[in-house]
Amino acid sequence: MNKNNTIFGSKNKFNEDVLYSRSTLPSHSLYQPIQLSPSYSSPSSLINCEVKKRDTVKTKKHAAAASRPVFQDGNEYEQIEDLPLFFNQGEFIRIPKSVEATLKRIPKELTKAINPKRNIAIEMCLLFLSKLSLALYYEDEKDSWVFWGARYMRSLFNDDPQTYKNILAVLIYNGTSGSIIEIEEGDNIGIKAHKYRYTKEFRSRKMERIRLKTDYVKGLSKKLVLELYRKAKKDIIGNNQIQVYSSIALPTIKSAFEQAKSLIAVGENFIKKGKKLVFLNKHARSYYKNPNNLSFIEEHIELFEYLTSDGLLVPSISRRKAGGRVFDSLNRMPRWIRDLVTIDGEPTDECDFSCFHPNLAIKLYGGKQKYLTHKKLADATGLDEAVVKVQHLSFFNKTYGEMKQSPIYPYYREYEPAMLNNIIREKLKSKREHKITSERLFTAEVEIMKKVISLLNKENIYTIYVFDALFCKKQHTYRVKEVMNQVAHEFGVFTTAKAPNDKSSLN
């Protein structure tokens, strides 16, 4: 990027060094490129992680739990598996500032129910809370909820069914600062599950980086990371991500800011998901009119830092409602920052399907059109194509009443009445209600992407997976699109893969 460009003299001035030179950050996270290739470290790119043997449990009730490796103070260790160094090793966690201080004021009788040692009990609470922190960076407040089943909670805290309940009792304790979290009954699917999030008093993106100190809680954290790693290795998409991680390099925070300035300088039309990218410029969100229609650069940078500065997140395979989509640091980071990620030092191209979910819906719900595009729908309705794209992001996940309010509803009512009736009928009859449609679309999407990635991996092509898109080295762009088109055709989905430089690609 040309540093002499006039954009650096624009009114969007700030001091990156001051904004991001926090004592909690590792030194590499400011201006040094984060090379994730194993070659940057010692000859061994893996770190030995250990677990301690659990004492034999004779009772039938706990037999299953006893067969699992668990960290325990004072017991003998055994090595279980290695974890690549470019992953977050689970030793550092991030929570909103003031949370730890609040926990230390909780009555001792409550923490003693978790563990007799107060420092261990508090760290167990912090570990739980760290799993809620990422959701604070989501722009839509409804996404600040985290859904967990009781089975996951027991696994996280060594399968003792009472431990996580005691932790929740501490976190909902209404002390002088109020309770730390709130709980809402989740959408049960044959299991007991709830939604959790920080209360408004603690819902802050100002994070504190904490190093776990007790061997017991460090063990719990590392065990969870290793379990995610094992699952990812067995998954086609997850294993692809693990392989490509060793070849990528991340941008510096400084270069991300420069990229943001460049995008702003291009004009007022840089819009993603209907939100314009702007600088906060040290103002509060409330300073701007309609802040919910804006994406703030400084908040995106904070999210990028969260996702990368302690190592990348191990790919996590989602539950059924998300169709088995795989989530990690790369597909959670803002698109305009991800564009700066390189593979083997080379810039990437994005290959994605044109109007993918609408064409998937046509396949799954008995539609008749082929190769529907956002532009085709825009031309038929007189709507702006950008409006159509934004509407398509959520249209199929809406309730029936919400769908009727969408400006693209009349198009489907006229041109795809049978498909629309099938979707509405399913929403009204399913136990999952309106969410069943997106669940089916996600499941079909994942099935297609797994086949695409599997074929590419056989040719030694590893790509960055971002749900219905793949980022690849430019030399692989043609082949990636070719395989995507081949697989879509095999599944009977009439859409076409495209890349940014395709002059004739469908929109």
Protein backbone atom coordinates (compact mmCIF):
# COMPACT_ATOMS: atom_id res chain seq x y z
CA MET A 1 0.00 0.00 0.00
CA ASN A 2 1.30 3.44 -0.91
CA LYS A 3 1.95 5.36 2.28
CA ASN A 4 2.16 8.59 0.30
CA ASN A 5 -1.47 8.28 -0.66
CA THR A 6 -3.53 11.30 0.38
CA ILE A 7 -5.82 9.13 2.46
CA PHE A 8 -3.30 9.23 5.29
CA GLY A 9 -3.87 12.94 5.56
CA SER A 10 -7.60 12.53 5.91
CA LYS A 11 -9.63 13.66 8.89
CA ASN A 12 -9.75 10.12 10.25
CA LYS A 13 -6.68 10.58 12.42
CA PHE A 14 -5.90 8.66 15.58
CA ASN A 15 -2.90 7.17 17.32
CA GLU A 16 -2.78 3.42 16.76
CA ASP A 17 0.14 3.07 19.15
CA VAL A 18 -1.81 4.59 22.03
CA LEU A 19 -5.00 2.72 21.21
CA TYR A 20 -3.41 -0.73 21.07
CA SER A 21 -0.25 -0.62 23.17
CA ARG A 22 -1.92 -2.23 26.18
CA SER A 23 0.29 -4.00 28.65
CA THR A 24 -1.89 -7.07 28.32
CA LEU A 25 -1.00 -7.63 24.67
CA PRO A 26 1.84 -9.90 23.58
CA SER A 27 4.56 -7.96 21.81
CA HIS A 28 3.95 -9.57 18.42
CA SER A 29 0.37 -8.34 18.11
CA LEU A 30 1.16 -4.73 17.22
CA TYR A 31 3.21 -4.38 14.08
CA GLN A 32 5.04 -7.65 13.45
CA PRO A 33 3.37 -9.97 10.91
CA ILE A 34 2.03 -13.03 12.68
CA GLN A 35 3.54 -15.89 10.70
CA LEU A 36 1.68 -19.07 11.50
CA SER A 37 4.01 -21.40 9.67
CA PRO A 38 5.59 -23.92 12.06
CA SER A 39 8.99 -22.93 10.69
CA TYR A 40 8.98 -19.77 12.77
CA SER A 41 9.44 -21.69 16.01
CA SER A 42 11.69 -24.43 17.22
CA PRO A 43 12.22 -27.48 14.97
CA SER A 44 9.22 -29.04 16.61
CA SER A 45 6.04 -27.16 15.75
CA LEU A 46 4.05 -28.98 18.37
CA ILE A 47 3.77 -28.50 22.09
CA ASN A 48 3.35 -31.37 24.52
CA CYS A 49 0.12 -31.12 26.47
CA GLU A 50 -0.40 -33.41 29.42
CA VAL A 51 -3.29 -34.64 31.52
CA LYS A 52 -3.25 -36.28 34.88
CA LYS A 53 -4.63 -39.68 35.66
CA ARG A 54 -7.93 -39.87 37.43
CA ASP A 55 -8.31 -42.17 40.41
CA THR A 56 -10.33 -45.29 39.69
CA VAL A 57 -14.05 -44.82 40.31
CA LYS A 58 -15.93 -48.03 41.01
CA THR A 59 -19.46 -46.72 40.96
CA LYS A 60 -21.41 -47.41 37.80
CA LYS A 61 -22.77 -43.85 37.81
CA HIS A 62 -19.34 -42.34 37.20
CA ALA A 63 -17.73 -45.13 35.17
CA ALA A 64 -17.98 -43.21 31.91
CA ALA A 65 -16.50 -40.10 33.46
CA ALA A 66 -13.63 -42.09 34.98
CA SER A 67 -12.49 -43.27 31.55
CA ARG A 68 -11.78 -39.70 30.45
CA PRO A 69 -8.51 -37.89 31.12
CA VAL A 70 -8.84 -35.23 33.79
CA PHE A 71 -6.34 -32.81 35.32
CA GLN A 72 -6.05 -33.16 39.07
CA ASP A 73 -3.58 -31.56 41.48
CA GLY A 74 -0.89 -33.87 42.85
CA ASN A 75 -1.54 -36.89 40.59
CA GLU A 76 0.74 -38.54 38.07
CA TYR A 77 0.78 -37.15 34.50
CA GLU A 78 0.40 -38.98 31.23
CA GLN A 79 0.93 -37.49 27.79
CA ILE A 80 -2.10 -37.57 25.50
CA GLU A 81 -1.59 -35.51 22.37
CA ASP A 82 0.23 -32.62 20.77
CA LEU A 83 -1.34 -29.31 19.76
CA PRO A 84 0.18 -27.08 17.04
CA LEU A 85 1.70 -23.93 18.45
CA PHE A 86 -0.34 -21.63 16.22
CA PHE A 87 -3.45 -22.51 18.24
CA ASN A 88 -4.57 -20.86 21.45
CA GLN A 89 -3.23 -23.29 24.05
CA GLY A 90 -5.94 -22.47 26.60
CA GLU A 91 -3.63 -20.88 29.16
CA PHE A 92 -4.81 -17.32 28.54
CA ILE A 93 -8.44 -16.22 28.68
CA ARG A 94 -10.17 -12.88 28.12
CA ILE A 95 -13.03 -11.47 30.13
CA PRO A 96 -14.53 -7.98 30.49
CA LYS A 97 -12.72 -5.72 32.91
CA SER A 98 -14.05 -5.62 36.49
CA VAL A 99 -15.45 -9.16 36.28
CA GLU A 100 -12.60 -10.76 38.22
CA ALA A 101 -12.79 -8.09 40.92
CA THR A 102 -16.52 -8.69 41.23
CA LEU A 103 -15.98 -12.44 41.62
CA LYS A 104 -13.54 -11.87 44.45
CA ARG A 105 -16.33 -10.13 46.40
CA ILE A 106 -18.68 -13.12 46.13
CA PRO A 107 -19.39 -14.75 49.55
CA LYS A 108 -17.01 -17.60 50.36
CA GLU A 109 -19.82 -20.05 51.09
CA LEU A 110 -20.89 -19.87 47.43
CA THR A 111 -17.43 -20.40 45.96
CA LYS A 112 -16.70 -23.20 48.45
CA ALA A 113 -19.50 -25.24 46.87
CA ILE A 114 -17.51 -25.17 43.62
CA ASN A 115 -14.14 -26.00 45.15
CA PRO A 116 -12.78 -25.73 48.70
CA LYS A 117 -9.86 -23.69 47.37
CA ARG A 118 -11.21 -20.22 46.62
CA ASN A 119 -8.60 -19.43 43.96
CA ILE A 120 -9.55 -22.55 42.02
CA ALA A 121 -13.27 -21.82 42.35
CA ILE A 122 -12.82 -18.27 41.04
CA GLU A 123 -10.72 -19.46 38.10
CA MET A 124 -13.39 -22.04 37.23
CA CYS A 125 -15.90 -19.20 37.08
CA LEU A 126 -13.52 -17.17 34.92
CA LEU A 127 -13.09 -20.13 32.56
CA PHE A 128 -16.84 -20.39 32.15
CA LEU A 129 -17.14 -16.65 31.53
CA SER A 130 -14.35 -16.66 28.95
CA LYS A 131 -16.56 -18.83 26.74
CA LEU A 132 -19.11 -16.01 26.64
CA SER A 133 -16.66 -13.23 25.77
CA LEU A 134 -16.48 -13.65 22.00
CA ALA A 135 -20.22 -13.04 21.66
CA LEU A 136 -19.72 -9.51 23.02
CA TYR A 137 -18.10 -8.54 19.72
CA TYR A 138 -21.14 -9.40 17.62
CA GLU A 139 -22.84 -6.30 16.29
CA ASP A 140 -26.38 -7.57 16.80
CA GLU A 141 -27.24 -7.67 20.51
CA LYS A 142 -29.43 -10.75 20.06
CA ASP A 143 -26.25 -12.63 19.10
CA SER A 144 -24.73 -11.92 22.52
CA TRP A 145 -26.45 -15.08 23.82
CA VAL A 146 -24.45 -18.33 23.94
CA PHE A 147 -26.38 -21.60 23.80
CA TRP A 148 -25.03 -24.55 25.84
CA GLY A 149 -26.42 -27.94 26.67
CA ALA A 150 -26.01 -29.53 30.10
CA ARG A 151 -23.87 -32.28 28.57
CA TYR A 152 -21.30 -29.75 27.36
CA MET A 153 -21.30 -28.02 30.74
CA ARG A 154 -20.65 -31.28 32.59
CA SER A 155 -17.85 -32.16 30.17
CA LEU A 156 -16.19 -28.77 30.63
CA PHE A 157 -16.13 -29.22 34.40
CA ASN A 158 -15.22 -32.90 34.64
CA ASP A 159 -18.66 -34.48 34.32
CA ASP A 160 -19.73 -33.68 37.86
CA PRO A 161 -23.38 -32.65 37.32
CA GLN A 162 -23.37 -30.35 40.32
CA THR A 163 -20.19 -28.35 39.60
CA TYR A 164 -21.52 -26.21 36.77
CA LYS A 165 -24.73 -25.57 38.72
CA ASN A 166 -22.66 -24.23 41.61
CA ILE A 167 -20.74 -22.03 39.16
CA LEU A 168 -24.01 -20.65 37.81
CA ALA A 169 -25.16 -19.93 41.36
CA VAL A 170 -22.10 -17.74 41.83
CA LEU A 171 -22.48 -15.97 38.50
CA ILE A 172 -26.15 -15.09 39.03
CA TYR A 173 -25.55 -13.97 42.62
CA ASN A 174 -26.96 -10.46 42.94
CA GLY A 175 -24.16 -8.66 44.75
CA THR A 176 -23.40 -4.94 45.01
CA SER A 177 -22.52 -4.83 41.29
CA GLY A 178 -25.46 -7.00 40.28
CA SER A 179 -25.26 -10.50 38.82
CA ILE A 180 -22.56 -11.20 36.23
CA ILE A 181 -24.64 -13.27 33.82
CA GLU A 182 -28.25 -13.82 32.90
CA ILE A 183 -29.84 -17.07 31.82
CA GLU A 184 -32.68 -17.73 29.41
CA GLU A 185 -34.31 -21.07 28.70
CA GLY A 186 -33.08 -22.33 25.36
CA ASP A 187 -34.80 -24.07 22.47
CA ASN A 188 -34.73 -27.59 23.82
CA ILE A 189 -34.05 -30.32 21.27
CA GLY A 190 -34.27 -33.43 23.40
CA ILE A 191 -31.63 -32.10 25.81
CA LYS A 192 -31.68 -29.64 28.65
CA ALA A 193 -30.12 -26.45 27.34
CA HIS A 194 -30.09 -22.76 28.13
CA LYS A 195 -28.75 -19.50 26.77
CA TYR A 196 -26.21 -17.47 28.69
CA ARG A 197 -24.78 -13.98 28.38
CA TYR A 198 -23.21 -11.23 30.44
CA THR A 199 -25.64 -8.83 32.09
CA LYS A 200 -25.75 -5.29 30.76
CA GLU A 201 -23.41 -4.05 33.51
CA PHE A 202 -20.65 -6.37 32.32
CA ARG A 203 -21.39 -6.41 28.58
CA SER A 204 -18.23 -4.57 27.55
CA ARG A 205 -15.65 -5.10 24.81
CA LYS A 206 -12.94 -3.71 27.07
CA MET A 207 -11.23 -6.98 27.82
CA GLU A 208 -8.78 -8.09 30.47
CA ARG A 209 -6.27 -10.77 29.47
CA ILE A 210 -5.83 -13.25 32.31
CA ARG A 211 -3.33 -16.07 32.64
CA LEU A 212 -4.76 -19.07 34.45
CA LYS A 213 -2.61 -19.86 37.47
CA THR A 214 -3.97 -23.05 39.05
CA ASP A 215 -2.92 -26.36 37.51
CA TYR A 216 -6.43 -27.70 37.91
CA VAL A 217 -8.18 -25.00 35.86
CA LYS A 218 -5.36 -24.82 33.31
CA GLY A 219 -5.97 -28.52 32.89
CA LEU A 220 -9.69 -28.07 32.34
CA SER A 221 -9.03 -25.37 29.75
CA LYS A 222 -6.43 -27.40 27.86
CA LYS A 223 -8.61 -30.49 27.94
CA LEU A 224 -11.39 -28.57 26.23
CA VAL A 225 -9.00 -27.25 23.55
CA LEU A 226 -7.70 -30.76 22.89
CA GLU A 227 -11.21 -32.16 22.59
CA LEU A 228 -12.06 -29.49 20.01
CA TYR A 229 -8.82 -30.27 18.18
CA ARG A 230 -9.55 -34.00 18.00
CA LYS A 231 -13.04 -33.37 16.66
CA ALA A 232 -11.73 -30.88 14.10
CA LYS A 233 -9.13 -33.35 12.81
CA LYS A 234 -11.87 -35.90 12.15
CA ASP A 235 -14.02 -33.38 10.27
CA ILE A 236 -13.31 -32.66 6.58
CA ILE A 237 -13.71 -28.91 6.94
CA GLY A 238 -12.00 -28.72 10.34
CA ASN A 239 -8.98 -30.70 9.14
CA ASN A 240 -8.73 -28.48 6.05
CA GLN A 241 -8.53 -25.44 8.32
CA ILE A 242 -5.84 -27.02 10.45
CA GLN A 243 -3.77 -27.78 7.34
CA VAL A 244 -4.10 -24.32 5.79
CA TYR A 245 -3.26 -22.59 9.09
CA SER A 246 0.37 -23.68 8.74
CA SER A 247 0.63 -21.71 5.47
CA ILE A 248 -1.05 -18.41 6.33
CA ALA A 249 0.19 -15.06 7.64
CA LEU A 250 -2.02 -12.51 9.36
CA PRO A 251 -1.89 -8.74 8.82
CA THR A 252 -0.58 -6.42 11.52
CA ILE A 253 -2.95 -4.15 13.35
CA LYS A 254 -1.25 -1.20 11.68
CA SER A 255 -1.79 -2.60 8.19
CA ALA A 256 -5.43 -3.30 9.06
CA PHE A 257 -5.92 0.34 9.99
CA GLU A 258 -4.27 1.39 6.72
CA GLN A 259 -6.62 -0.91 4.84
CA ALA A 260 -9.59 0.69 6.61
CA LYS A 261 -8.42 4.18 5.68
CA SER A 262 -8.05 3.08 2.09
CA LEU A 263 -11.58 1.67 1.99
CA ILE A 264 -13.05 4.82 3.48
CA ALA A 265 -11.13 6.94 0.97
CA VAL A 266 -12.63 5.03 -1.95
CA GLY A 267 -16.00 6.58 -1.20
CA GLU A 268 -19.12 6.32 0.87
CA ASN A 269 -20.25 3.07 -0.71
CA PHE A 270 -18.27 0.46 1.23
CA ILE A 271 -21.21 -1.39 2.70
CA LYS A 272 -21.31 -4.96 4.03
CA LYS A 273 -24.55 -6.59 5.12
CA GLY A 274 -26.24 -3.22 4.80
CA LYS A 275 -23.85 -1.53 7.24
CA LYS A 276 -21.43 1.21 6.24
CA LEU A 277 -17.88 0.96 7.52
CA VAL A 278 -16.86 4.05 9.50
CA PHE A 279 -14.42 5.17 12.21
CA LEU A 280 -15.62 5.73 15.76
CA ASN A 281 -12.94 8.42 16.09
CA LYS A 282 -12.98 8.11 19.90
CA HIS A 283 -16.71 8.87 20.05
CA ALA A 284 -19.28 6.73 21.81
CA ARG A 285 -21.63 4.73 19.60
CA SER A 286 -24.46 7.00 20.70
CA TYR A 287 -22.70 9.92 19.00
CA TYR A 288 -23.82 8.57 15.62
CA LYS A 289 -27.32 8.55 14.22
CA ASN A 290 -28.57 5.01 13.68
CA PRO A 291 -25.39 3.28 14.99
CA ASN A 292 -26.99 -0.10 14.32
CA ASN A 293 -26.66 0.64 10.60
CA LEU A 294 -22.91 1.21 10.93
CA SER A 295 -19.88 -1.04 11.37
CA PHE A 296 -17.11 0.58 13.37
CA ILE A 297 -13.52 -0.01 12.36
CA GLU A 298 -12.09 0.18 15.87
CA GLU A 299 -14.53 -2.52 17.05
CA HIS A 300 -13.55 -4.74 14.14
CA ILE A 301 -9.89 -4.32 15.04
CA GLU A 302 -10.64 -5.30 18.64
CA LEU A 303 -12.39 -8.44 17.41
CA PHE A 304 -9.41 -9.28 15.19
CA GLU A 305 -7.10 -8.87 18.18
CA TYR A 306 -9.31 -11.12 20.32
CA LEU A 307 -9.32 -13.84 17.64
CA THR A 308 -5.60 -13.90 16.98
CA SER A 309 -3.35 -12.37 19.64
CA ASP A 310 -3.21 -15.46 21.89
CA GLY A 311 -3.13 -17.88 18.97
CA LEU A 312 -5.87 -18.94 16.61
CA LEU A 313 -9.04 -20.59 17.84
CA VAL A 314 -9.26 -24.30 17.22
CA PRO A 315 -11.98 -24.95 14.59
CA SER A 316 -15.25 -25.70 16.36
CA ILE A 317 -18.00 -27.77 14.76
CA SER A 318 -21.40 -26.24 15.43
CA ARG A 319 -24.46 -28.03 16.69
CA ARG A 320 -27.40 -29.10 14.59
CA LYS A 321 -29.13 -25.73 14.35
CA ALA A 322 -26.12 -24.38 12.43
CA GLY A 323 -25.95 -27.47 10.23
CA GLY A 324 -22.47 -28.48 11.34
CA ARG A 325 -20.81 -25.30 10.12
CA VAL A 326 -17.25 -24.93 11.35
CA PHE A 327 -16.27 -21.74 13.19
CA ASP A 328 -12.75 -20.46 13.75
CA SER A 329 -10.67 -17.28 13.92
CA LEU A 330 -10.61 -16.74 10.17
CA ASN A 331 -14.30 -16.98 9.38
CA ARG A 332 -15.28 -15.00 12.47
CA MET A 333 -13.05 -12.03 11.68
CA PRO A 334 -14.38 -9.07 9.64
CA ARG A 335 -14.25 -9.64 5.90
CA TRP A 336 -12.16 -6.55 5.10
CA ILE A 337 -9.43 -7.73 7.49
CA ARG A 338 -9.56 -11.33 6.27
CA ASP A 339 -8.86 -10.01 2.77
CA LEU A 340 -5.34 -9.18 4.01
CA VAL A 341 -4.56 -12.77 5.07
CA THR A 342 -2.08 -14.49 2.75
CA ILE A 343 -1.44 -18.16 1.95
CA ASP A 344 2.24 -18.99 1.40
CA GLY A 345 2.84 -15.25 1.19
CA GLU A 346 0.37 -14.83 -1.67
CA PRO A 347 -2.88 -12.78 -1.68
CA THR A 348 -6.09 -14.76 -1.93
CA ASP A 349 -9.16 -14.81 -4.14
CA GLU A 350 -12.62 -15.46 -2.74
CA CYS A 351 -14.64 -18.07 -4.58
CA ASP A 352 -18.29 -18.28 -3.58
CA PHE A 353 -21.59 -19.40 -4.99
CA SER A 354 -23.91 -16.89 -6.58
CA CYS A 355 -27.12 -16.37 -4.59
CA PHE A 356 -26.39 -19.67 -2.84
CA HIS A 357 -29.11 -20.02 -0.19
CA PRO A 358 -31.97 -18.90 -2.44
CA ASN A 359 -30.91 -21.51 -5.01
CA LEU A 360 -30.52 -24.09 -2.24
CA ALA A 361 -34.06 -23.26 -1.08
CA ILE A 362 -35.35 -23.77 -4.62
CA LYS A 363 -33.74 -27.23 -4.62
CA LEU A 364 -34.91 -28.25 -1.14
CA TYR A 365 -38.45 -26.88 -1.30
CA GLY A 366 -39.57 -27.68 -4.82
CA GLY A 367 -38.89 -24.42 -6.64
CA LYS A 368 -38.78 -24.22 -10.41
CA GLN A 369 -36.23 -21.51 -11.29
CA LYS A 370 -32.62 -22.14 -12.23
CA TYR A 371 -29.63 -19.90 -11.59
CA LEU A 372 -31.54 -17.24 -9.67
CA THR A 373 -29.39 -14.17 -9.02
CA HIS A 374 -29.76 -11.09 -6.84
CA LYS A 375 -29.71 -9.01 -10.02
CA LYS A 376 -32.50 -11.02 -11.62
CA LEU A 377 -34.72 -10.49 -8.61
CA ALA A 378 -33.78 -6.80 -8.45
CA ASP A 379 -34.65 -6.30 -12.12
CA ALA A 380 -38.02 -8.01 -11.66
CA THR A 381 -38.99 -5.97 -8.60
CA GLY A 382 -37.31 -2.63 -9.18
CA LEU A 383 -35.43 -2.98 -5.91
CA ASP A 384 -31.79 -2.00 -5.59
CA GLU A 385 -29.54 -5.04 -5.95
CA ALA A 386 -27.77 -4.19 -2.66
CA VAL A 387 -31.16 -4.26 -0.90
CA VAL A 388 -31.90 -7.68 -2.37
CA LYS A 389 -28.55 -9.05 -1.18
CA VAL A 390 -29.15 -7.83 2.36
CA GLN A 391 -32.71 -9.19 2.41
CA HIS A 392 -31.53 -12.59 1.23
CA LEU A 393 -29.18 -12.84 4.22
CA SER A 394 -32.10 -13.33 6.61
CA PHE A 395 -35.24 -13.89 4.50
CA PHE A 396 -35.41 -17.68 4.90
CA ASN A 397 -34.71 -17.50 8.63
CA LYS A 398 -37.64 -15.20 9.37
CA THR A 399 -41.01 -16.09 10.84
CA TYR A 400 -43.92 -16.22 8.42
CA GLY A 401 -45.06 -12.79 9.58
CA GLU A 402 -41.57 -11.32 9.15
CA MET A 403 -41.24 -12.84 5.68
CA LYS A 404 -44.45 -11.12 4.59
CA GLN A 405 -42.95 -7.78 5.62
CA SER A 406 -39.83 -8.30 3.48
CA PRO A 407 -39.68 -6.35 0.19
CA ILE A 408 -38.65 -9.54 -1.65
CA TYR A 409 -41.66 -11.54 -0.42
CA PRO A 410 -43.91 -10.49 -3.35
CA TYR A 411 -41.33 -11.83 -5.81
CA TYR A 412 -41.37 -15.31 -4.27
CA ARG A 413 -45.14 -15.15 -3.90
CA GLU A 414 -45.45 -14.55 -7.66
CA TYR A 415 -42.60 -16.59 -9.13
CA GLU A 416 -42.12 -19.38 -6.57
CA PRO A 417 -45.52 -19.92 -4.89
CA ALA A 418 -45.10 -23.68 -4.40
CA MET A 419 -41.66 -23.30 -2.83
CA LEU A 420 -42.86 -20.49 -0.58
CA ASN A 421 -45.89 -22.50 0.56
CA ASN A 422 -43.67 -25.48 1.40
CA ILE A 423 -41.34 -23.29 3.46
CA ILE A 424 -44.20 -21.62 5.35
CA ARG A 425 -45.96 -24.92 5.99
CA GLU A 426 -42.77 -26.41 7.45
CA LYS A 427 -42.18 -23.37 9.66
CA LEU A 428 -45.67 -23.62 11.10
CA LYS A 429 -45.53 -27.38 11.73
CA SER A 430 -41.94 -27.94 12.88
CA LYS A 431 -40.91 -28.03 16.55
CA ARG A 432 -38.03 -25.80 15.45
CA GLU A 433 -40.66 -23.37 14.09
CA HIS A 434 -39.22 -20.72 11.72
CA LYS A 435 -35.62 -21.77 12.43
CA ILE A 436 -36.04 -25.11 10.68
CA THR A 437 -35.52 -23.50 7.25
CA SER A 438 -32.07 -22.09 7.99
CA GLU A 439 -31.13 -25.34 9.73
CA ARG A 440 -31.88 -27.30 6.57
CA LEU A 441 -30.12 -24.74 4.37
CA PHE A 442 -27.01 -24.79 6.58
CA THR A 443 -26.97 -28.59 6.60
CA ALA A 444 -27.16 -28.74 2.80
CA GLU A 445 -24.51 -26.01 2.50
CA VAL A 446 -22.11 -27.92 4.77
CA GLU A 447 -22.65 -31.16 2.86
CA ILE A 448 -21.78 -29.45 -0.41
CA MET A 449 -18.77 -27.64 0.99
CA LYS A 450 -17.42 -30.84 2.54
CA LYS A 451 -17.51 -32.54 -0.85
CA VAL A 452 -15.79 -29.56 -2.51
CA ILE A 453 -13.07 -29.38 0.13
CA SER A 454 -12.53 -33.14 0.08
CA LEU A 455 -11.92 -33.11 -3.69
CA LEU A 456 -9.59 -30.11 -3.45
CA ASN A 457 -7.61 -31.64 -0.58
CA LYS A 458 -6.95 -34.73 -2.69
CA GLU A 459 -5.22 -32.38 -5.14
CA ASN A 460 -3.24 -30.85 -2.25
CA ILE A 461 -5.23 -27.61 -2.45
CA TYR A 462 -6.07 -26.24 0.97
CA THR A 463 -8.33 -23.21 1.22
CA ILE A 464 -9.66 -20.89 3.90
CA TYR A 465 -13.25 -21.97 4.57
CA VAL A 466 -15.78 -19.19 5.19
CA PHE A 467 -19.11 -21.05 5.20
CA ASP A 468 -20.30 -20.93 1.55
CA ALA A 469 -17.05 -19.40 0.28
CA LEU A 470 -13.44 -20.52 -0.08
CA PHE A 471 -10.40 -18.24 -0.10
CA CYS A 472 -7.55 -19.65 -2.14
CA LYS A 473 -4.27 -18.67 -3.76
CA LYS A 474 -4.88 -16.93 -7.07
CA GLN A 475 -3.17 -19.74 -8.98
CA HIS A 476 -5.89 -22.10 -7.69
CA THR A 477 -8.90 -19.85 -8.37
CA TYR A 478 -9.95 -21.48 -11.65
CA ARG A 479 -9.69 -25.00 -10.24
CA VAL A 480 -11.56 -24.14 -7.03
CA LYS A 481 -14.45 -22.63 -9.01
CA GLU A 482 -14.46 -25.62 -11.34
CA VAL A 483 -14.80 -28.08 -8.46
CA MET A 484 -17.47 -25.94 -6.77
CA ASN A 485 -19.52 -25.88 -9.96
CA GLN A 486 -19.06 -29.62 -10.43
CA VAL A 487 -20.28 -30.43 -6.92
CA ALA A 488 -23.22 -28.00 -7.07
CA HIS A 489 -24.31 -29.70 -10.31
CA GLU A 490 -24.00 -33.14 -8.67
CA PHE A 491 -26.29 -31.99 -5.85
CA GLY A 492 -28.79 -30.51 -8.28
CA VAL A 493 -28.31 -26.95 -7.07
CA PHE A 494 -28.40 -24.49 -9.96
CA THR A 495 -25.87 -21.84 -9.04
CA THR A 496 -22.46 -20.78 -10.29
CA ALA A 497 -19.21 -20.21 -8.41
CA LYS A 498 -17.63 -16.80 -8.93
CA ALA A 499 -14.54 -14.83 -7.96
CA PRO A 500 -14.10 -11.03 -7.59
CA ASN A 501 -12.37 -10.58 -10.96
CA ASP A 502 -14.93 -12.53 -12.97
CA LYS A 503 -16.33 -10.04 -15.43
CA SER A 504 -19.20 -12.27 -16.43
CA SER A 505 -19.92 -13.95 -13.11
CA LEU A 506 -23.46 -14.13 -11.84
CA ASN A 507 -24.40 -11.88 -8.92
